[in-house]
N, C-alpha and C. Protein backbone atom coordinates (compact mmCIF):
# COMPACT_ATOMS: atom_id res chain seq x y z
N MET A 1 -12.47 51.88 -18.87
CA MET A 1 -13.20 51.16 -18.87
C MET A 1 -12.79 49.87 -19.54
N LYS A 2 -12.14 49.96 -20.58
CA LYS A 2 -11.82 48.50 -20.87
C LYS A 2 -10.77 47.80 -20.14
N THR A 3 -10.12 48.47 -19.00
CA THR A 3 -8.95 47.87 -18.28
C THR A 3 -10.10 47.16 -17.30
N ASN A 4 -11.29 47.52 -17.02
CA ASN A 4 -12.14 46.74 -16.07
C ASN A 4 -12.74 45.72 -16.48
N LYS A 5 -12.91 45.60 -17.52
CA LYS A 5 -13.78 44.65 -18.48
C LYS A 5 -13.03 43.63 -18.50
N PHE A 6 -11.41 44.02 -18.82
CA PHE A 6 -10.34 42.85 -19.06
C PHE A 6 -10.46 42.46 -17.66
N VAL A 7 -10.14 43.03 -16.58
CA VAL A 7 -9.81 42.34 -15.26
C VAL A 7 -10.94 41.22 -14.78
N THR A 8 -11.95 41.82 -15.08
CA THR A 8 -13.29 41.27 -14.80
C THR A 8 -13.38 39.85 -15.42
N LEU A 9 -13.32 39.78 -16.84
CA LEU A 9 -12.94 38.63 -17.61
C LEU A 9 -11.86 37.85 -16.98
N LEU A 10 -10.93 38.33 -16.71
CA LEU A 10 -9.77 37.33 -15.99
C LEU A 10 -10.18 36.84 -15.19
N LEU A 11 -10.41 37.65 -14.03
CA LEU A 11 -11.14 36.95 -12.92
C LEU A 11 -12.00 35.69 -13.13
N VAL A 12 -13.27 36.23 -13.90
CA VAL A 12 -14.16 34.84 -14.18
C VAL A 12 -13.15 33.96 -14.71
N ALA A 13 -12.26 34.08 -15.45
CA ALA A 13 -11.55 32.83 -16.16
C ALA A 13 -10.99 32.07 -15.34
N ILE A 14 -10.01 32.76 -14.22
CA ILE A 14 -9.26 32.18 -12.94
C ILE A 14 -10.17 31.38 -12.22
N MET A 15 -11.59 31.99 -11.81
CA MET A 15 -12.53 31.64 -11.03
C MET A 15 -12.79 30.08 -11.82
N THR A 16 -12.89 30.42 -12.98
CA THR A 16 -13.78 28.65 -13.45
C THR A 16 -12.81 27.61 -13.45
N LEU A 17 -11.28 28.13 -13.72
CA LEU A 17 -10.32 27.39 -14.04
C LEU A 17 -10.26 26.65 -12.44
N ALA A 18 -9.82 27.39 -11.57
CA ALA A 18 -9.76 26.84 -10.16
C ALA A 18 -11.08 26.05 -9.71
N LEU A 19 -12.42 26.37 -10.29
CA LEU A 19 -13.43 25.37 -9.56
C LEU A 19 -13.44 24.33 -10.39
N ASN A 20 -12.95 23.94 -11.92
CA ASN A 20 -12.83 22.99 -12.79
C ASN A 20 -11.78 21.93 -11.61
N ILE A 21 -10.54 22.67 -11.42
CA ILE A 21 -9.53 22.19 -10.67
C ILE A 21 -9.85 21.52 -9.48
N SER A 22 -10.74 21.99 -8.63
CA SER A 22 -11.54 21.72 -7.45
C SER A 22 -12.00 20.65 -7.61
N VAL A 23 -12.91 20.73 -8.61
CA VAL A 23 -14.16 19.56 -8.92
C VAL A 23 -13.32 18.19 -9.18
N ARG A 24 -12.30 18.34 -10.20
CA ARG A 24 -11.83 17.12 -10.57
C ARG A 24 -10.83 16.59 -9.21
N ALA A 25 -10.42 17.46 -8.50
CA ALA A 25 -9.38 17.02 -7.38
C ALA A 25 -10.48 15.97 -6.61
N SER A 26 -11.77 16.65 -6.32
CA SER A 26 -13.01 16.15 -5.33
C SER A 26 -13.32 14.81 -6.07
N GLN A 27 -13.63 14.94 -7.42
CA GLN A 27 -13.80 13.45 -7.79
C GLN A 27 -12.58 12.42 -7.67
N GLU A 28 -11.34 12.85 -8.29
CA GLU A 28 -10.34 11.65 -7.90
C GLU A 28 -10.32 11.33 -6.62
N SER A 29 -10.34 12.26 -5.54
CA SER A 29 -10.29 11.92 -4.22
C SER A 29 -11.60 10.72 -3.90
N GLU A 30 -12.68 10.80 -4.29
CA GLU A 30 -13.93 9.91 -3.98
C GLU A 30 -13.58 8.75 -4.87
N VAL A 31 -13.01 8.52 -6.18
CA VAL A 31 -12.55 7.57 -6.55
C VAL A 31 -11.63 6.72 -5.88
N ARG A 32 -10.46 7.27 -5.58
CA ARG A 32 -9.43 6.61 -4.75
C ARG A 32 -10.51 6.17 -3.29
N GLU A 33 -11.09 6.90 -2.72
CA GLU A 33 -11.61 6.61 -1.25
C GLU A 33 -12.51 5.15 -1.80
N MET A 34 -13.32 5.22 -2.80
CA MET A 34 -14.04 3.72 -3.16
C MET A 34 -13.27 2.84 -3.37
N VAL A 35 -11.78 3.05 -4.20
CA VAL A 35 -11.17 2.01 -4.63
C VAL A 35 -10.20 1.09 -3.41
N ASN A 36 -9.91 2.10 -2.36
CA ASN A 36 -9.38 1.78 -1.31
C ASN A 36 -10.55 1.13 0.04
N ARG A 37 -11.88 1.49 -0.13
CA ARG A 37 -12.60 0.91 0.44
C ARG A 37 -13.08 -0.81 0.45
N VAL A 38 -13.01 -0.79 -1.24
CA VAL A 38 -13.56 -2.02 -1.86
C VAL A 38 -12.03 -3.12 -1.52
N PHE A 39 -10.78 -2.46 -1.39
CA PHE A 39 -9.82 -3.24 -1.34
C PHE A 39 -10.18 -3.78 0.32
N GLN A 40 -10.10 -2.52 1.27
CA GLN A 40 -10.68 -3.06 2.50
C GLN A 40 -11.63 -4.29 3.01
N GLN A 41 -12.76 -4.22 2.16
CA GLN A 41 -13.45 -5.17 2.35
C GLN A 41 -13.33 -6.15 1.91
N LEU A 42 -12.54 -6.46 0.41
CA LEU A 42 -11.90 -7.87 0.04
C LEU A 42 -11.24 -8.15 0.96
N LYS A 43 -9.98 -7.43 1.89
CA LYS A 43 -9.32 -7.90 2.68
C LYS A 43 -9.91 -8.47 3.83
N SER A 44 -10.65 -7.88 4.51
CA SER A 44 -11.43 -8.37 5.37
C SER A 44 -12.63 -9.32 5.17
N ARG A 45 -12.84 -9.55 4.19
CA ARG A 45 -13.27 -11.03 3.43
C ARG A 45 -15.03 -10.46 3.45
N ASP A 46 -15.58 -8.85 3.37
CA ASP A 46 -16.94 -8.35 3.67
C ASP A 46 -17.25 -8.63 2.16
N TYR A 47 -17.58 -9.67 1.34
CA TYR A 47 -18.14 -9.87 0.43
C TYR A 47 -19.37 -9.23 0.05
N GLY A 48 -20.19 -9.25 0.88
CA GLY A 48 -21.52 -8.97 0.62
C GLY A 48 -21.37 -7.31 0.27
N SER A 49 -20.55 -6.74 0.88
CA SER A 49 -20.54 -5.05 0.68
C SER A 49 -19.62 -5.10 -0.72
N VAL A 50 -18.71 -6.17 -1.14
CA VAL A 50 -17.99 -5.74 -2.35
C VAL A 50 -19.34 -5.85 -3.31
N TYR A 51 -20.07 -6.73 -3.34
CA TYR A 51 -21.16 -6.95 -4.04
C TYR A 51 -22.26 -5.82 -4.20
N ASP A 52 -22.44 -5.04 -3.23
CA ASP A 52 -23.25 -3.71 -3.21
C ASP A 52 -22.59 -2.89 -3.84
N GLY A 53 -21.21 -2.76 -4.12
CA GLY A 53 -20.25 -2.02 -4.63
C GLY A 53 -20.23 -1.76 -6.07
N LEU A 54 -20.87 -2.96 -6.52
CA LEU A 54 -20.75 -3.52 -7.84
C LEU A 54 -21.81 -2.64 -8.86
N PRO A 55 -21.52 -2.16 -10.56
CA PRO A 55 -22.72 -1.34 -11.00
C PRO A 55 -23.84 -2.40 -11.25
N SER A 56 -24.76 -1.72 -11.50
CA SER A 56 -26.23 -2.48 -11.58
C SER A 56 -25.97 -3.49 -12.56
N SER A 57 -25.55 -3.20 -13.86
CA SER A 57 -25.22 -4.28 -15.02
C SER A 57 -24.54 -5.25 -14.28
N SER A 58 -23.68 -5.57 -13.47
CA SER A 58 -22.93 -6.61 -12.89
C SER A 58 -23.87 -7.29 -11.87
N ARG A 59 -24.38 -6.35 -11.11
CA ARG A 59 -25.27 -7.22 -10.33
C ARG A 59 -26.61 -7.72 -10.98
N SER A 60 -27.15 -7.40 -12.08
CA SER A 60 -28.10 -8.17 -12.59
C SER A 60 -28.00 -9.64 -13.55
N ARG A 61 -26.56 -9.57 -13.54
CA ARG A 61 -25.90 -10.81 -14.24
C ARG A 61 -25.13 -11.94 -13.40
N MET A 62 -25.42 -11.56 -12.12
CA MET A 62 -24.85 -12.84 -11.15
C MET A 62 -25.48 -12.27 -9.59
N SER A 63 -25.93 -13.26 -8.76
CA SER A 63 -26.48 -13.27 -7.67
C SER A 63 -25.57 -12.54 -6.93
N ARG A 64 -25.94 -12.27 -6.03
CA ARG A 64 -25.23 -12.03 -4.66
C ARG A 64 -24.62 -13.18 -4.12
N ASP A 65 -25.37 -13.98 -3.84
CA ASP A 65 -24.92 -15.53 -3.13
C ASP A 65 -23.96 -16.00 -4.04
N ARG A 66 -24.31 -15.83 -5.59
CA ARG A 66 -22.96 -16.94 -6.39
C ARG A 66 -21.90 -15.58 -6.15
N PHE A 67 -21.91 -14.71 -6.14
CA PHE A 67 -21.05 -13.91 -5.72
C PHE A 67 -20.04 -14.14 -4.63
N VAL A 68 -20.95 -13.95 -3.36
CA VAL A 68 -20.09 -14.14 -2.24
C VAL A 68 -19.67 -15.75 -2.49
N ASN A 69 -20.02 -16.30 -2.76
CA ASN A 69 -19.87 -17.97 -2.66
C ASN A 69 -18.35 -18.55 -3.35
N ALA A 70 -18.24 -17.53 -4.50
CA ALA A 70 -17.25 -17.69 -5.54
C ALA A 70 -16.07 -17.03 -4.90
N LEU A 71 -16.17 -15.89 -4.33
CA LEU A 71 -15.02 -15.68 -3.54
C LEU A 71 -14.81 -16.04 -2.03
N GLU A 72 -15.59 -16.69 -1.57
CA GLU A 72 -15.56 -17.45 -0.33
C GLU A 72 -14.67 -18.76 -0.67
N ARG A 73 -15.03 -19.43 -1.78
CA ARG A 73 -14.29 -20.49 -2.28
C ARG A 73 -12.60 -20.06 -2.54
N ALA A 74 -12.32 -18.83 -3.00
CA ALA A 74 -11.08 -18.33 -3.53
C ALA A 74 -10.30 -17.93 -1.84
N GLN A 75 -11.00 -18.00 -0.76
CA GLN A 75 -10.19 -17.41 0.67
C GLN A 75 -8.79 -18.21 0.85
N GLY A 76 -8.82 -19.61 0.36
CA GLY A 76 -7.66 -20.25 1.19
C GLY A 76 -6.43 -20.46 -0.17
N ILE A 77 -6.75 -19.81 -1.25
CA ILE A 77 -5.95 -19.39 -2.24
C ILE A 77 -4.54 -18.48 -1.96
N TYR A 78 -5.47 -17.27 -1.81
CA TYR A 78 -4.43 -16.13 -1.45
C TYR A 78 -4.95 -14.87 -0.58
N GLU A 79 -3.89 -14.60 0.35
CA GLU A 79 -4.10 -13.47 1.48
C GLU A 79 -3.58 -12.17 0.61
N LEU A 80 -4.47 -11.24 0.84
CA LEU A 80 -4.19 -9.72 0.49
C LEU A 80 -3.57 -9.20 1.41
N ASP A 81 -2.46 -8.15 1.19
CA ASP A 81 -1.56 -7.48 2.32
C ASP A 81 -1.76 -6.04 2.13
N ARG A 82 -1.72 -5.66 1.00
CA ARG A 82 -1.83 -3.97 0.97
C ARG A 82 -2.02 -3.33 -0.58
N MET A 83 -2.30 -2.65 -0.96
CA MET A 83 -2.42 -2.03 -2.28
C MET A 83 -2.04 -0.53 -2.37
N ASP A 84 -1.41 -0.35 -3.51
CA ASP A 84 -0.70 0.78 -3.92
C ASP A 84 -1.47 1.35 -4.62
N VAL A 85 -2.03 2.78 -4.93
CA VAL A 85 -2.90 3.47 -5.69
C VAL A 85 -1.88 4.39 -6.38
N GLY A 86 -2.08 4.37 -7.82
CA GLY A 86 -1.52 5.42 -8.53
C GLY A 86 -2.08 6.31 -9.10
N LEU A 87 -2.13 6.65 -10.49
CA LEU A 87 -2.87 7.75 -11.13
C LEU A 87 -4.30 7.27 -11.29
N VAL A 88 -5.16 8.60 -10.85
CA VAL A 88 -6.38 8.53 -11.03
C VAL A 88 -6.73 9.45 -12.32
N LYS A 89 -7.66 8.49 -13.08
CA LYS A 89 -8.36 9.48 -13.98
C LYS A 89 -9.56 9.48 -14.55
N VAL A 90 -10.24 10.92 -14.41
CA VAL A 90 -11.58 10.59 -14.42
C VAL A 90 -11.98 11.63 -15.70
N ALA A 91 -13.48 10.90 -16.24
CA ALA A 91 -13.79 11.67 -17.31
C ALA A 91 -15.23 11.17 -17.18
N GLY A 92 -15.96 12.14 -17.06
CA GLY A 92 -17.39 11.86 -17.13
C GLY A 92 -17.85 10.91 -16.03
N ASN A 93 -18.54 10.06 -16.05
CA ASN A 93 -18.99 8.98 -15.29
C ASN A 93 -17.92 7.57 -15.07
N LEU A 94 -16.75 7.76 -15.98
CA LEU A 94 -16.03 6.87 -15.91
C LEU A 94 -14.37 7.21 -15.05
N ALA A 95 -14.03 6.25 -14.51
CA ALA A 95 -12.76 6.65 -13.85
C ALA A 95 -11.88 5.26 -13.96
N VAL A 96 -10.41 5.43 -13.99
CA VAL A 96 -9.42 4.24 -14.07
C VAL A 96 -8.58 4.77 -13.10
N VAL A 97 -8.43 3.50 -12.57
CA VAL A 97 -7.16 3.91 -11.29
C VAL A 97 -6.25 2.70 -11.66
N ASP A 98 -4.66 3.29 -11.49
CA ASP A 98 -3.72 2.42 -11.51
C ASP A 98 -3.71 1.94 -10.14
N THR A 99 -3.47 0.45 -10.04
CA THR A 99 -3.22 -0.14 -8.62
C THR A 99 -2.14 -1.23 -8.62
N VAL A 100 -1.53 -1.92 -7.61
CA VAL A 100 -0.67 -2.71 -7.46
C VAL A 100 -1.17 -3.23 -6.21
N LEU A 101 -1.67 -4.50 -6.07
CA LEU A 101 -2.14 -5.19 -5.09
C LEU A 101 -0.79 -6.32 -4.90
N TYR A 102 -0.63 -6.26 -3.24
CA TYR A 102 0.57 -7.23 -2.83
C TYR A 102 -0.27 -8.29 -2.23
N GLY A 103 0.19 -9.31 -2.00
CA GLY A 103 -0.47 -10.38 -1.68
C GLY A 103 0.41 -11.67 -1.52
N ARG A 104 0.04 -12.55 -0.92
CA ARG A 104 0.60 -14.05 -0.78
C ARG A 104 -0.58 -15.14 -1.33
N ILE A 105 0.23 -15.79 -2.48
CA ILE A 105 -0.30 -17.35 -2.58
C ILE A 105 -0.24 -18.38 -1.96
N THR A 106 -1.05 -18.83 -1.27
CA THR A 106 -1.06 -19.96 -0.45
C THR A 106 -1.23 -21.54 -1.34
N LEU A 107 -2.09 -21.43 -2.10
CA LEU A 107 -1.97 -22.98 -2.86
C LEU A 107 -1.98 -22.49 -4.35
N PRO A 108 -1.42 -23.39 -4.88
CA PRO A 108 -0.65 -25.01 -4.64
C PRO A 108 0.42 -24.59 -4.14
N VAL A 109 1.04 -23.60 -4.26
CA VAL A 109 2.61 -23.35 -3.53
C VAL A 109 2.46 -21.90 -2.78
N GLN A 110 3.42 -21.77 -1.90
CA GLN A 110 3.49 -20.64 -1.15
C GLN A 110 4.68 -19.71 -1.98
N ALA A 111 4.16 -18.14 -2.21
CA ALA A 111 4.66 -17.31 -2.82
C ALA A 111 4.46 -15.83 -2.54
N GLU A 112 5.22 -14.83 -2.51
CA GLU A 112 4.25 -13.43 -2.63
C GLU A 112 3.99 -13.25 -3.81
N GLY A 113 3.34 -12.52 -4.26
CA GLY A 113 2.82 -11.93 -5.53
C GLY A 113 2.28 -10.50 -5.19
N LYS A 114 2.17 -10.13 -6.59
CA LYS A 114 1.07 -8.77 -7.12
C LYS A 114 0.82 -8.69 -8.12
N ILE A 115 -0.07 -7.78 -8.30
CA ILE A 115 -1.19 -7.56 -9.83
C ILE A 115 -1.01 -6.39 -9.70
N VAL A 116 -0.64 -5.96 -10.98
CA VAL A 116 -0.37 -4.65 -11.34
C VAL A 116 -1.73 -4.77 -12.17
N VAL A 117 -2.46 -4.03 -11.89
CA VAL A 117 -4.29 -3.73 -12.47
C VAL A 117 -4.51 -2.46 -12.45
N GLN A 118 -5.58 -2.12 -13.69
CA GLN A 118 -6.23 -0.70 -13.52
C GLN A 118 -7.66 -1.44 -12.94
N GLN A 119 -7.89 -0.18 -12.06
CA GLN A 119 -9.09 -0.41 -11.35
C GLN A 119 -10.50 0.44 -12.25
N TYR A 120 -11.31 0.04 -12.98
CA TYR A 120 -12.43 0.69 -13.71
C TYR A 120 -13.53 0.93 -12.89
N LEU A 121 -14.12 2.25 -12.56
CA LEU A 121 -14.92 2.65 -11.89
C LEU A 121 -15.84 3.52 -12.63
N VAL A 122 -17.54 3.18 -12.54
CA VAL A 122 -18.71 3.98 -13.30
C VAL A 122 -19.68 4.73 -12.07
N LYS A 123 -19.69 5.85 -12.58
CA LYS A 123 -20.55 6.32 -11.62
C LYS A 123 -22.23 6.21 -11.64
N GLU A 124 -22.76 5.79 -11.19
CA GLU A 124 -24.28 5.27 -10.98
C GLU A 124 -24.87 5.81 -9.80
N ASP A 125 -26.28 6.51 -10.23
CA ASP A 125 -26.71 7.31 -9.07
C ASP A 125 -26.01 7.89 -8.22
N GLY A 126 -25.10 8.50 -8.93
CA GLY A 126 -24.28 9.66 -8.14
C GLY A 126 -22.90 8.73 -7.00
N LYS A 127 -22.86 7.85 -7.18
CA LYS A 127 -22.05 6.96 -6.56
C LYS A 127 -20.96 6.32 -7.42
N TRP A 128 -19.43 6.27 -7.00
CA TRP A 128 -18.85 5.68 -7.97
C TRP A 128 -18.74 4.03 -7.63
N ARG A 129 -18.94 3.07 -8.47
CA ARG A 129 -19.05 1.61 -8.52
C ARG A 129 -17.69 1.02 -9.25
N VAL A 130 -17.19 -0.18 -8.62
CA VAL A 130 -15.95 -0.81 -9.15
C VAL A 130 -16.81 -1.95 -10.29
N ALA A 131 -16.41 -1.45 -11.52
CA ALA A 131 -16.50 -2.28 -12.33
C ALA A 131 -15.38 -3.30 -13.24
N THR A 132 -14.00 -3.46 -12.37
CA THR A 132 -12.75 -3.86 -12.75
C THR A 132 -13.02 -5.33 -13.61
N GLY A 133 -13.68 -6.07 -12.75
CA GLY A 133 -14.31 -7.23 -13.18
C GLY A 133 -15.38 -7.44 -14.87
N ASP A 134 -15.73 -6.49 -14.74
CA ASP A 134 -16.96 -6.54 -15.51
C ASP A 134 -16.83 -5.94 -17.01
N GLN A 135 -16.10 -6.30 -17.65
CA GLN A 135 -15.21 -5.95 -18.73
C GLN A 135 -15.96 -5.45 -19.92
N SER A 136 -17.58 -6.12 -19.88
CA SER A 136 -18.24 -5.86 -20.78
C SER A 136 -18.95 -4.47 -20.80
N THR A 137 -19.37 -3.91 -19.33
CA THR A 137 -19.41 -2.49 -18.88
C THR A 137 -18.47 -1.54 -19.46
N VAL A 138 -17.21 -1.95 -18.83
CA VAL A 138 -15.75 -1.19 -19.22
C VAL A 138 -16.00 -0.83 -20.72
N LYS A 139 -16.04 -2.33 -21.55
CA LYS A 139 -15.86 -1.95 -23.12
C LYS A 139 -16.74 -0.95 -23.72
N LYS A 140 -18.10 -1.04 -23.16
CA LYS A 140 -19.22 -0.43 -23.73
C LYS A 140 -19.03 1.19 -23.42
N PHE A 141 -18.49 1.53 -22.39
CA PHE A 141 -18.06 2.95 -21.65
C PHE A 141 -17.26 3.16 -22.75
N LEU A 142 -15.96 2.40 -22.79
CA LEU A 142 -14.68 3.25 -23.80
C LEU A 142 -15.24 3.27 -25.17
N ALA A 143 -15.93 2.30 -25.63
CA ALA A 143 -16.38 2.49 -26.71
C ALA A 143 -17.28 3.76 -26.97
N ALA A 144 -17.89 4.58 -26.04
CA ALA A 144 -18.77 5.36 -26.30
C ALA A 144 -17.88 6.48 -26.18
N ASN A 145 -17.01 6.66 -25.36
CA ASN A 145 -15.91 7.24 -25.13
C ASN A 145 -14.59 7.35 -25.63
N PRO A 146 -14.54 7.68 -26.79
CA PRO A 146 -13.02 6.82 -27.41
C PRO A 146 -12.20 7.86 -27.03
N SER A 147 -12.48 8.85 -26.77
CA SER A 147 -11.45 10.27 -26.10
C SER A 147 -10.90 9.82 -24.91
N PHE A 148 -11.34 9.11 -23.91
CA PHE A 148 -10.72 8.96 -22.73
C PHE A 148 -9.87 7.58 -22.72
N SER A 149 -9.84 6.51 -23.43
CA SER A 149 -8.54 6.00 -23.78
C SER A 149 -7.40 6.48 -24.55
N LYS A 150 -7.80 7.78 -25.17
CA LYS A 150 -6.52 8.30 -25.98
C LYS A 150 -6.02 9.11 -24.91
N GLY A 151 -6.41 9.66 -23.72
CA GLY A 151 -6.03 10.47 -22.55
C GLY A 151 -4.93 9.62 -21.52
N PHE A 152 -5.61 7.96 -21.61
CA PHE A 152 -5.18 7.09 -20.76
C PHE A 152 -5.01 5.75 -21.11
N ARG A 153 -3.62 5.36 -21.04
CA ARG A 153 -3.10 4.20 -21.89
C ARG A 153 -4.10 3.10 -21.26
N ILE A 154 -5.06 1.96 -21.62
CA ILE A 154 -5.59 1.06 -21.17
C ILE A 154 -4.35 -0.38 -21.16
N LYS A 155 -4.21 -0.84 -19.97
CA LYS A 155 -3.40 -1.77 -19.71
C LYS A 155 -3.94 -3.30 -19.27
N SER A 156 -3.86 -4.34 -19.65
CA SER A 156 -3.92 -5.30 -19.17
C SER A 156 -3.20 -5.85 -17.99
N PRO A 157 -4.05 -6.48 -16.95
CA PRO A 157 -3.41 -6.80 -15.94
C PRO A 157 -2.01 -7.65 -15.80
N ARG A 158 -1.22 -7.61 -15.15
CA ARG A 158 -0.07 -8.42 -15.21
C ARG A 158 0.34 -9.09 -13.81
N VAL A 159 0.73 -10.06 -13.73
CA VAL A 159 0.81 -10.64 -12.38
C VAL A 159 2.03 -11.13 -12.18
N TYR A 160 2.98 -10.97 -10.91
CA TYR A 160 4.06 -11.42 -10.60
C TYR A 160 4.22 -12.32 -9.57
N VAL A 161 5.27 -12.76 -9.55
CA VAL A 161 5.70 -13.62 -8.31
C VAL A 161 7.18 -13.33 -8.02
N LYS A 162 7.36 -13.38 -6.57
CA LYS A 162 8.57 -13.18 -6.27
C LYS A 162 9.65 -14.40 -6.19
N GLN A 163 10.73 -14.29 -7.24
CA GLN A 163 11.68 -15.53 -6.74
C GLN A 163 12.94 -14.58 -6.58
N ASP A 164 13.70 -15.54 -5.74
CA ASP A 164 15.18 -14.85 -5.50
C ASP A 164 15.03 -13.35 -5.49
N GLY A 165 14.09 -12.85 -4.54
CA GLY A 165 14.01 -11.55 -4.42
C GLY A 165 13.85 -10.49 -5.48
N LYS A 166 13.47 -11.17 -6.56
CA LYS A 166 12.95 -10.25 -7.71
C LYS A 166 11.58 -10.86 -8.10
N TRP A 167 10.60 -9.55 -8.65
CA TRP A 167 9.68 -9.91 -9.16
C TRP A 167 9.80 -10.44 -10.68
N VAL A 168 8.96 -11.65 -11.00
CA VAL A 168 8.97 -11.93 -11.88
C VAL A 168 7.58 -12.07 -12.61
N GLU A 169 7.29 -11.92 -14.02
CA GLU A 169 5.74 -11.99 -14.33
C GLU A 169 5.53 -13.17 -14.61
N PHE A 170 4.23 -13.75 -13.95
CA PHE A 170 4.01 -14.96 -14.06
C PHE A 170 3.07 -14.96 -15.33
N ALA A 171 3.21 -16.06 -16.34
CA ALA A 171 2.39 -16.60 -17.31
C ALA A 171 1.69 -17.77 -17.40
N PRO A 172 0.52 -17.70 -16.83
CA PRO A 172 0.03 -19.43 -17.05
C PRO A 172 0.24 -20.10 -18.34
N PRO A 173 0.55 -21.03 -18.15
CA PRO A 173 0.49 -22.21 -19.31
C PRO A 173 -0.42 -22.20 -20.33
N ARG A 174 -0.20 -21.90 -21.25
CA ARG A 174 -1.10 -22.26 -22.49
C ARG A 174 -1.86 -23.62 -22.70
N PRO A 175 -2.78 -23.79 -22.92
CA PRO A 175 -3.41 -25.35 -23.34
C PRO A 175 -2.92 -25.32 -24.57
N PRO A 176 -2.78 -26.70 -25.12
CA PRO A 176 -2.25 -26.81 -26.22
C PRO A 176 -3.23 -26.46 -27.56
N ARG A 177 -2.82 -26.32 -28.56
CA ARG A 177 -3.50 -25.98 -29.66
C ARG A 177 -4.40 -27.36 -30.25
N PRO A 178 -5.53 -27.39 -30.34
CA PRO A 178 -5.83 -28.81 -30.87
C PRO A 178 -5.32 -28.83 -32.87
N ARG A 179 -5.07 -29.92 -32.99
CA ARG A 179 -4.31 -30.24 -34.22
C ARG A 179 -5.65 -30.28 -35.80
N ALA A 180 -5.20 -29.67 -36.58
CA ALA A 180 -6.17 -29.35 -37.62
C ALA A 180 -6.45 -30.94 -38.37
């Protein structure tokens, strides 16, 4: 009798673990799909759809027209080529995805470039929404979920340009400090 209970408990534990792994894999897949979808929308200049994929807090602070116009003004400055999607971390309604975006800078000089950036997503109304540019939303969520950042190192974006066949980190010039 004790053996049957042990076997039953063991099977329940294995099934629960398998279900958790399956749910996590499904969520990670959904997050990857959303990051790729937004990249394709940016690449094809479908800025209205990008706006629709923003969290409600971002949409409430900026109108659709203003958002679309800002991205349209930047069109001649760079061209996106491809994106590599790395590690995906999901915890509740927040996800972070390591990505590398490759493209070409066209103005003021022509050069190959890449941006190593973490994409932040929040889940609203059952849908993943990209909040990467919305630092206030991301900071609020991270403050409310400190254990998330412990398990996943948050990194600042880094920009590189290709010089002599090598990637060199680009550091924009800092404005001079006012003298006291």
